[in-house]
PDB file of all heavy atoms in Angstrom:
ATOM      1  N   VAL A   1      -6.935   1.041   7.444  1.00  0.00           N
ATOM      2  CA  VAL A   1      -8.388   0.907   7.478  1.00  0.00           C
ATOM      3  C   VAL A   1      -8.904   0.889   6.050  1.00  0.00           C
ATOM      4  O   VAL A   1      -8.704   1.839   5.280  1.00  0.00           O
ATOM      5  CB  VAL A   1      -9.048   2.059   8.254  1.00  0.00           C
ATOM      6  CG1 VAL A   1     -10.566   1.912   8.242  1.00  0.00           C
ATOM      7  CG2 VAL A   1      -8.527   2.082   9.688  1.00  0.00           C
ATOM      8  N   ALA A   2      -9.535  -0.185   5.657  1.00  0.00           N
ATOM      9  CA  ALA A   2     -10.038  -0.338   4.301  1.00  0.00           C
ATOM     10  C   ALA A   2     -11.412   0.304   4.175  1.00  0.00           C
ATOM     11  O   ALA A   2     -12.079   0.577   5.175  1.00  0.00           O
ATOM     12  CB  ALA A   2     -10.124  -1.824   3.943  1.00  0.00           C
ATOM     13  N   PRO A   3     -11.869   0.584   2.928  1.00  0.00           N
ATOM     14  CA  PRO A   3     -13.239   1.063   2.743  1.00  0.00           C
ATOM     15  C   PRO A   3     -14.228   0.132   3.435  1.00  0.00           C
ATOM     16  O   PRO A   3     -14.120  -1.088   3.333  1.00  0.00           O
ATOM     17  CB  PRO A   3     -13.409   1.041   1.220  1.00  0.00           C
ATOM     18  CG  PRO A   3     -12.020   1.218   0.692  1.00  0.00           C
ATOM     19  CD  PRO A   3     -11.139   0.474   1.657  1.00  0.00           C
ATOM     20  N   GLY A   4     -15.189   0.691   4.149  1.00  0.00           N
ATOM     21  CA  GLY A   4     -16.099  -0.107   4.937  1.00  0.00           C
ATOM     22  C   GLY A   4     -15.710  -0.136   6.406  1.00  0.00           C
ATOM     23  O   GLY A   4     -16.356  -0.778   7.222  1.00  0.00           O
ATOM     24  N   ALA A   5     -14.606   0.573   6.741  1.00  0.00           N
ATOM     25  CA  ALA A   5     -14.166   0.759   8.130  1.00  0.00           C
ATOM     26  C   ALA A   5     -13.728  -0.523   8.807  1.00  0.00           C
ATOM     27  O   ALA A   5     -13.825  -0.670  10.017  1.00  0.00           O
ATOM     28  CB  ALA A   5     -15.260   1.427   8.955  1.00  0.00           C
ATOM     29  N   HIS A   6     -13.197  -1.507   8.020  1.00  0.00           N
ATOM     30  CA  HIS A   6     -12.611  -2.679   8.661  1.00  0.00           C
ATOM     31  C   HIS A   6     -11.107  -2.684   8.412  1.00  0.00           C
ATOM     32  O   HIS A   6     -10.603  -2.047   7.489  1.00  0.00           O
ATOM     33  CB  HIS A   6     -13.236  -3.972   8.136  1.00  0.00           C
ATOM     34  CG  HIS A   6     -13.061  -4.186   6.664  1.00  0.00           C
ATOM     35  ND1 HIS A   6     -13.939  -3.655   5.729  1.00  0.00           N
ATOM     36  CD2 HIS A   6     -12.108  -4.857   5.963  1.00  0.00           C
ATOM     37  CE1 HIS A   6     -13.536  -3.996   4.519  1.00  0.00           C
ATOM     38  NE2 HIS A   6     -12.436  -4.714   4.634  1.00  0.00           N
ATOM     39  N   ARG A   7     -10.386  -3.386   9.266  1.00  0.00           N
ATOM     40  CA  ARG A   7      -8.931  -3.402   9.194  1.00  0.00           C
ATOM     41  C   ARG A   7      -8.455  -4.238   8.013  1.00  0.00           C
ATOM     42  O   ARG A   7      -8.990  -5.299   7.728  1.00  0.00           O
ATOM     43  CB  ARG A   7      -8.337  -3.973  10.481  1.00  0.00           C
ATOM     44  CG  ARG A   7      -8.568  -3.097  11.689  1.00  0.00           C
ATOM     45  CD  ARG A   7      -7.695  -1.869  11.645  1.00  0.00           C
ATOM     46  NE  ARG A   7      -8.002  -0.949  12.739  1.00  0.00           N
ATOM     47  CZ  ARG A   7      -7.397   0.219  12.926  1.00  0.00           C
ATOM     48  NH1 ARG A   7      -6.475   0.617  12.084  1.00  0.00           N
ATOM     49  NH2 ARG A   7      -7.741   0.996  13.937  1.00  0.00           N
ATOM     50  N   ARG A   8      -7.422  -3.701   7.327  1.00  0.00           N
ATOM     51  CA  ARG A   8      -6.805  -4.454   6.257  1.00  0.00           C
ATOM     52  C   ARG A   8      -5.833  -5.465   6.840  1.00  0.00           C
ATOM     53  O   ARG A   8      -5.355  -5.327   7.974  1.00  0.00           O
ATOM     54  CB  ARG A   8      -6.074  -3.505   5.307  1.00  0.00           C
ATOM     55  CG  ARG A   8      -7.008  -2.618   4.531  1.00  0.00           C
ATOM     56  CD  ARG A   8      -6.334  -1.409   3.947  1.00  0.00           C
ATOM     57  NE  ARG A   8      -5.168  -1.744   3.147  1.00  0.00           N
ATOM     58  CZ  ARG A   8      -4.501  -0.857   2.407  1.00  0.00           C
ATOM     59  NH1 ARG A   8      -4.895   0.397   2.403  1.00  0.00           N
ATOM     60  NH2 ARG A   8      -3.467  -1.212   1.705  1.00  0.00           N
ATOM     61  N   THR A   9      -5.524  -6.470   6.059  1.00  0.00           N
ATOM     62  CA  THR A   9      -4.609  -7.510   6.528  1.00  0.00           C
ATOM     63  C   THR A   9      -3.148  -7.149   6.254  1.00  0.00           C
ATOM     64  O   THR A   9      -2.250  -7.842   6.718  1.00  0.00           O
ATOM     65  CB  THR A   9      -4.934  -8.851   5.840  1.00  0.00           C
ATOM     66  OG1 THR A   9      -4.842  -8.688   4.415  1.00  0.00           O
ATOM     67  CG2 THR A   9      -6.341  -9.313   6.205  1.00  0.00           C
ATOM     68  N   ASP A  10      -2.903  -6.067   5.522  1.00  0.00           N
ATOM     69  CA  ASP A  10      -1.537  -5.667   5.217  1.00  0.00           C
ATOM     70  C   ASP A  10      -0.790  -5.287   6.489  1.00  0.00           C
ATOM     71  O   ASP A  10      -1.348  -4.658   7.386  1.00  0.00           O
ATOM     72  CB  ASP A  10      -1.520  -4.469   4.260  1.00  0.00           C
ATOM     73  CG  ASP A  10      -2.392  -4.685   3.030  1.00  0.00           C
ATOM     74  OD1 ASP A  10      -3.623  -4.604   3.182  1.00  0.00           O
ATOM     75  OD2 ASP A  10      -1.834  -4.941   1.954  1.00  0.00           O
ATOM     76  N   ASP A  11       0.471  -5.652   6.548  1.00  0.00           N
ATOM     77  CA  ASP A  11       1.329  -5.248   7.654  1.00  0.00           C
ATOM     78  C   ASP A  11       1.517  -3.732   7.587  1.00  0.00           C
ATOM     79  O   ASP A  11       1.939  -3.199   6.560  1.00  0.00           O
ATOM     80  CB  ASP A  11       2.679  -5.954   7.512  1.00  0.00           C
ATOM     81  CG  ASP A  11       3.605  -5.683   8.693  1.00  0.00           C
ATOM     82  OD1 ASP A  11       3.424  -4.652   9.363  1.00  0.00           O
ATOM     83  OD2 ASP A  11       4.514  -6.497   8.917  1.00  0.00           O
ATOM     84  N   PRO A  12       1.219  -3.004   8.684  1.00  0.00           N
ATOM     85  CA  PRO A  12       1.384  -1.546   8.655  1.00  0.00           C
ATOM     86  C   PRO A  12       2.786  -1.104   8.254  1.00  0.00           C
ATOM     87  O   PRO A  12       2.951  -0.095   7.575  1.00  0.00           O
ATOM     88  CB  PRO A  12       1.049  -1.121  10.086  1.00  0.00           C
ATOM     89  CG  PRO A  12       0.112  -2.172  10.565  1.00  0.00           C
ATOM     90  CD  PRO A  12       0.609  -3.451   9.945  1.00  0.00           C
ATOM     91  N   GLU A  13       3.806  -1.854   8.661  1.00  0.00           N
ATOM     92  CA  GLU A  13       5.168  -1.472   8.294  1.00  0.00           C
ATOM     93  C   GLU A  13       5.397  -1.636   6.786  1.00  0.00           C
ATOM     94  O   GLU A  13       6.140  -0.859   6.178  1.00  0.00           O
ATOM     95  CB  GLU A  13       6.187  -2.299   9.071  1.00  0.00           C
ATOM     96  CG  GLU A  13       7.639  -1.903   8.805  1.00  0.00           C
ATOM     97  CD  GLU A  13       7.887  -0.409   8.940  1.00  0.00           C
ATOM     98  OE1 GLU A  13       7.339   0.227   9.866  1.00  0.00           O
ATOM     99  OE2 GLU A  13       8.647   0.147   8.106  1.00  0.00           O
ATOM    100  N   VAL A  14       4.729  -2.627   6.201  1.00  0.00           N
ATOM    101  CA  VAL A  14       4.826  -2.791   4.740  1.00  0.00           C
ATOM    102  C   VAL A  14       4.185  -1.599   4.040  1.00  0.00           C
ATOM    103  O   VAL A  14       4.713  -1.067   3.058  1.00  0.00           O
ATOM    104  CB  VAL A  14       4.151  -4.108   4.298  1.00  0.00           C
ATOM    105  CG1 VAL A  14       4.055  -4.188   2.777  1.00  0.00           C
ATOM    106  CG2 VAL A  14       4.933  -5.303   4.837  1.00  0.00           C
ATOM    107  N   LEU A  15       3.040  -1.161   4.551  1.00  0.00           N
ATOM    108  CA  LEU A  15       2.375   0.006   3.978  1.00  0.00           C
ATOM    109  C   LEU A  15       3.244   1.251   4.129  1.00  0.00           C
ATOM    110  O   LEU A  15       3.352   2.063   3.206  1.00  0.00           O
ATOM    111  CB  LEU A  15       1.029   0.237   4.654  1.00  0.00           C
ATOM    112  CG  LEU A  15      -0.043  -0.837   4.442  1.00  0.00           C
ATOM    113  CD1 LEU A  15      -1.260  -0.523   5.305  1.00  0.00           C
ATOM    114  CD2 LEU A  15      -0.429  -0.931   2.981  1.00  0.00           C
ATOM    115  N   ALA A  16       3.865   1.407   5.297  1.00  0.00           N
ATOM    116  CA  ALA A  16       4.723   2.559   5.529  1.00  0.00           C
ATOM    117  C   ALA A  16       5.939   2.534   4.606  1.00  0.00           C
ATOM    118  O   ALA A  16       6.334   3.565   4.047  1.00  0.00           O
ATOM    119  CB  ALA A  16       5.163   2.600   6.990  1.00  0.00           C
ATOM    120  N   GLU A  17       6.537   1.366   4.439  1.00  0.00           N
ATOM    121  CA  GLU A  17       7.688   1.253   3.554  1.00  0.00           C
ATOM    122  C   GLU A  17       7.296   1.554   2.111  1.00  0.00           C
ATOM    123  O   GLU A  17       8.041   2.206   1.373  1.00  0.00           O
ATOM    124  CB  GLU A  17       8.289  -0.154   3.654  1.00  0.00           C
ATOM    125  CG  GLU A  17       9.483  -0.400   2.734  1.00  0.00           C
ATOM    126  CD  GLU A  17      10.638   0.565   3.003  1.00  0.00           C
ATOM    127  OE1 GLU A  17      10.780   1.041   4.145  1.00  0.00           O
ATOM    128  OE2 GLU A  17      11.406   0.831   2.051  1.00  0.00           O
ATOM    129  N   HIS A  18       6.116   1.085   1.711  1.00  0.00           N
ATOM    130  CA  HIS A  18       5.635   1.395   0.366  1.00  0.00           C
ATOM    131  C   HIS A  18       5.482   2.910   0.195  1.00  0.00           C
ATOM    132  O   HIS A  18       5.836   3.466  -0.854  1.00  0.00           O
ATOM    133  CB  HIS A  18       4.287   0.710   0.117  1.00  0.00           C
ATOM    134  CG  HIS A  18       3.673   1.070  -1.197  1.00  0.00           C
ATOM    135  ND1 HIS A  18       4.153   0.598  -2.402  1.00  0.00           N
ATOM    136  CD2 HIS A  18       2.619   1.872  -1.512  1.00  0.00           C
ATOM    137  CE1 HIS A  18       3.422   1.081  -3.391  1.00  0.00           C
ATOM    138  NE2 HIS A  18       2.479   1.856  -2.879  1.00  0.00           N
ATOM    139  N   GLY A  19       4.976   3.575   1.220  1.00  0.00           N
ATOM    140  CA  GLY A  19       4.845   5.018   1.153  1.00  0.00           C
ATOM    141  C   GLY A  19       6.178   5.715   0.982  1.00  0.00           C
ATOM    142  O   GLY A  19       6.298   6.669   0.208  1.00  0.00           O
ATOM    143  N   ARG A  20       7.185   5.241   1.705  1.00  0.00           N
ATOM    144  CA  ARG A  20       8.518   5.831   1.565  1.00  0.00           C
ATOM    145  C   ARG A  20       9.067   5.599   0.160  1.00  0.00           C
ATOM    146  O   ARG A  20       9.697   6.490  -0.429  1.00  0.00           O
ATOM    147  CB  ARG A  20       9.462   5.257   2.618  1.00  0.00           C
ATOM    148  CG  ARG A  20       9.132   5.719   4.040  1.00  0.00           C
ATOM    149  CD  ARG A  20      10.209   5.309   5.024  1.00  0.00           C
ATOM    150  NE  ARG A  20      10.196   3.877   5.290  1.00  0.00           N
ATOM    151  CZ  ARG A  20       9.501   3.309   6.269  1.00  0.00           C
ATOM    152  NH1 ARG A  20       8.753   4.049   7.071  1.00  0.00           N
ATOM    153  NH2 ARG A  20       9.566   2.004   6.464  1.00  0.00           N
ATOM    154  N   GLU A  21       8.818   4.408  -0.381  1.00  0.00           N
ATOM    155  CA  GLU A  21       9.287   4.099  -1.742  1.00  0.00           C
ATOM    156  C   GLU A  21       8.604   4.991  -2.771  1.00  0.00           C
ATOM    157  O   GLU A  21       9.243   5.487  -3.705  1.00  0.00           O
ATOM    158  CB  GLU A  21       9.024   2.626  -2.061  1.00  0.00           C
ATOM    159  CG  GLU A  21       9.876   1.664  -1.257  1.00  0.00           C
ATOM    160  CD  GLU A  21       9.454   0.218  -1.463  1.00  0.00           C
ATOM    161  OE1 GLU A  21       8.437  -0.005  -2.162  1.00  0.00           O
ATOM    162  OE2 GLU A  21      10.129  -0.678  -0.943  1.00  0.00           O
ATOM    163  N   VAL A  22       7.298   5.199  -2.607  1.00  0.00           N
ATOM    164  CA  VAL A  22       6.555   6.038  -3.548  1.00  0.00           C
ATOM    165  C   VAL A  22       7.084   7.465  -3.539  1.00  0.00           C
ATOM    166  O   VAL A  22       7.323   8.078  -4.589  1.00  0.00           O
ATOM    167  CB  VAL A  22       5.046   6.026  -3.211  1.00  0.00           C
ATOM    168  CG1 VAL A  22       4.310   7.134  -3.963  1.00  0.00           C
ATOM    169  CG2 VAL A  22       4.441   4.675  -3.562  1.00  0.00           C
ATOM    170  N   THR A  23       7.287   8.021  -2.348  1.00  0.00           N
ATOM    171  CA  THR A  23       7.715   9.420  -2.279  1.00  0.00           C
ATOM    172  C   THR A  23       9.173   9.588  -2.709  1.00  0.00           C
ATOM    173  O   THR A  23       9.526  10.608  -3.309  1.00  0.00           O
ATOM    174  CB  THR A  23       7.496   9.991  -0.872  1.00  0.00           C
ATOM    175  OG1 THR A  23       8.120   9.133   0.100  1.00  0.00           O
ATOM    176  CG2 THR A  23       6.013  10.109  -0.564  1.00  0.00           C
ATOM    177  N   GLU A  24      10.019   8.607  -2.437  1.00  0.00           N
ATOM    178  CA  GLU A  24      11.402   8.711  -2.893  1.00  0.00           C
ATOM    179  C   GLU A  24      11.487   8.577  -4.406  1.00  0.00           C
ATOM    180  O   GLU A  24      12.289   9.256  -5.061  1.00  0.00           O
ATOM    181  CB  GLU A  24      12.275   7.670  -2.199  1.00  0.00           C
ATOM    182  CG  GLU A  24      12.623   8.019  -0.767  1.00  0.00           C
ATOM    183  CD  GLU A  24      13.238   9.411  -0.668  1.00  0.00           C
ATOM    184  OE1 GLU A  24      14.213   9.706  -1.411  1.00  0.00           O
ATOM    185  OE2 GLU A  24      12.752  10.218   0.139  1.00  0.00           O
ATOM    186  N   ALA A  25      10.659   7.699  -4.982  1.00  0.00           N
ATOM    187  CA  ALA A  25      10.610   7.595  -6.440  1.00  0.00           C
ATOM    188  C   ALA A  25      10.127   8.907  -7.048  1.00  0.00           C
ATOM    189  O   ALA A  25      10.612   9.351  -8.100  1.00  0.00           O
ATOM    190  CB  ALA A  25       9.699   6.446  -6.863  1.00  0.00           C
ATOM    191  N   ALA A  26       9.178   9.557  -6.376  1.00  0.00           N
ATOM    192  CA  ALA A  26       8.686  10.859  -6.842  1.00  0.00           C
ATOM    193  C   ALA A  26       9.797  11.897  -6.782  1.00  0.00           C
ATOM    194  O   ALA A  26       9.962  12.708  -7.703  1.00  0.00           O
ATOM    195  CB  ALA A  26       7.494  11.298  -5.990  1.00  0.00           C
ATOM    196  N   ARG A  27      10.569  11.888  -5.709  1.00  0.00           N
ATOM    197  CA  ARG A  27      11.677  12.841  -5.578  1.00  0.00           C
ATOM    198  C   ARG A  27      12.671  12.668  -6.732  1.00  0.00           C
ATOM    199  O   ARG A  27      13.132  13.645  -7.330  1.00  0.00           O
ATOM    200  CB  ARG A  27      12.394  12.652  -4.242  1.00  0.00           C
ATOM    201  CG  ARG A  27      13.467  13.711  -3.987  1.00  0.00           C
ATOM    202  CD  ARG A  27      14.463  13.243  -2.936  1.00  0.00           C
ATOM    203  NE  ARG A  27      13.845  13.028  -1.641  1.00  0.00           N
ATOM    204  CZ  ARG A  27      13.669  13.971  -0.732  1.00  0.00           C
ATOM    205  NH1 ARG A  27      14.046  15.213  -0.992  1.00  0.00           N
ATOM    206  NH2 ARG A  27      13.140  13.681   0.431  1.00  0.00           N
ATOM    207  N   ARG A  28      12.991  11.406  -7.045  1.00  0.00           N
ATOM    208  CA  ARG A  28      13.947  11.158  -8.128  1.00  0.00           C
ATOM    209  C   ARG A  28      13.385  11.636  -9.467  1.00  0.00           C
ATOM    210  O   ARG A  28      14.115  12.212 -10.295  1.00  0.00           O
ATOM    211  CB  ARG A  28      14.286   9.666  -8.202  1.00  0.00           C
ATOM    212  CG  ARG A  28      15.088   9.162  -6.992  1.00  0.00           C
ATOM    213  CD  ARG A  28      15.640   7.783  -7.255  1.00  0.00           C
ATOM    214  NE  ARG A  28      14.591   6.792  -7.443  1.00  0.00           N
ATOM    215  CZ  ARG A  28      14.050   6.088  -6.453  1.00  0.00           C
ATOM    216  NH1 ARG A  28      14.434   6.293  -5.194  1.00  0.00           N
ATOM    217  NH2 ARG A  28      13.105   5.186  -6.693  1.00  0.00           N
ATOM    218  N   ARG A  29      12.094  11.409  -9.695  1.00  0.00           N
ATOM    219  CA  ARG A  29      11.485  11.827 -10.962  1.00  0.00           C
ATOM    220  C   ARG A  29      11.522  13.352 -11.102  1.00  0.00           C
ATOM    221  O   ARG A  29      11.842  13.872 -12.175  1.00  0.00           O
ATOM    222  CB  ARG A  29      10.041  11.316 -11.039  1.00  0.00           C
ATOM    223  CG  ARG A  29       9.336  11.676 -12.354  1.00  0.00           C
ATOM    224  CD  ARG A  29       7.934  11.096 -12.409  1.00  0.00           C
ATOM    225  NE  ARG A  29       7.263  11.474 -13.636  1.00  0.00           N
ATOM    226  CZ  ARG A  29       7.318  10.813 -14.776  1.00  0.00           C
ATOM    227  NH1 ARG A  29       8.050   9.692 -14.854  1.00  0.00           N
ATOM    228  NH2 ARG A  29       6.677  11.217 -15.861  1.00  0.00           N
TER     229      ARG A  29
END
């Protein structure tokens, strides 16, 4: 959900995978 309460065009699975990448990169750091 983007600012303004409308749906983003990003694939939810892409967003989820990005989240996993961010947190795993944080773990390594």
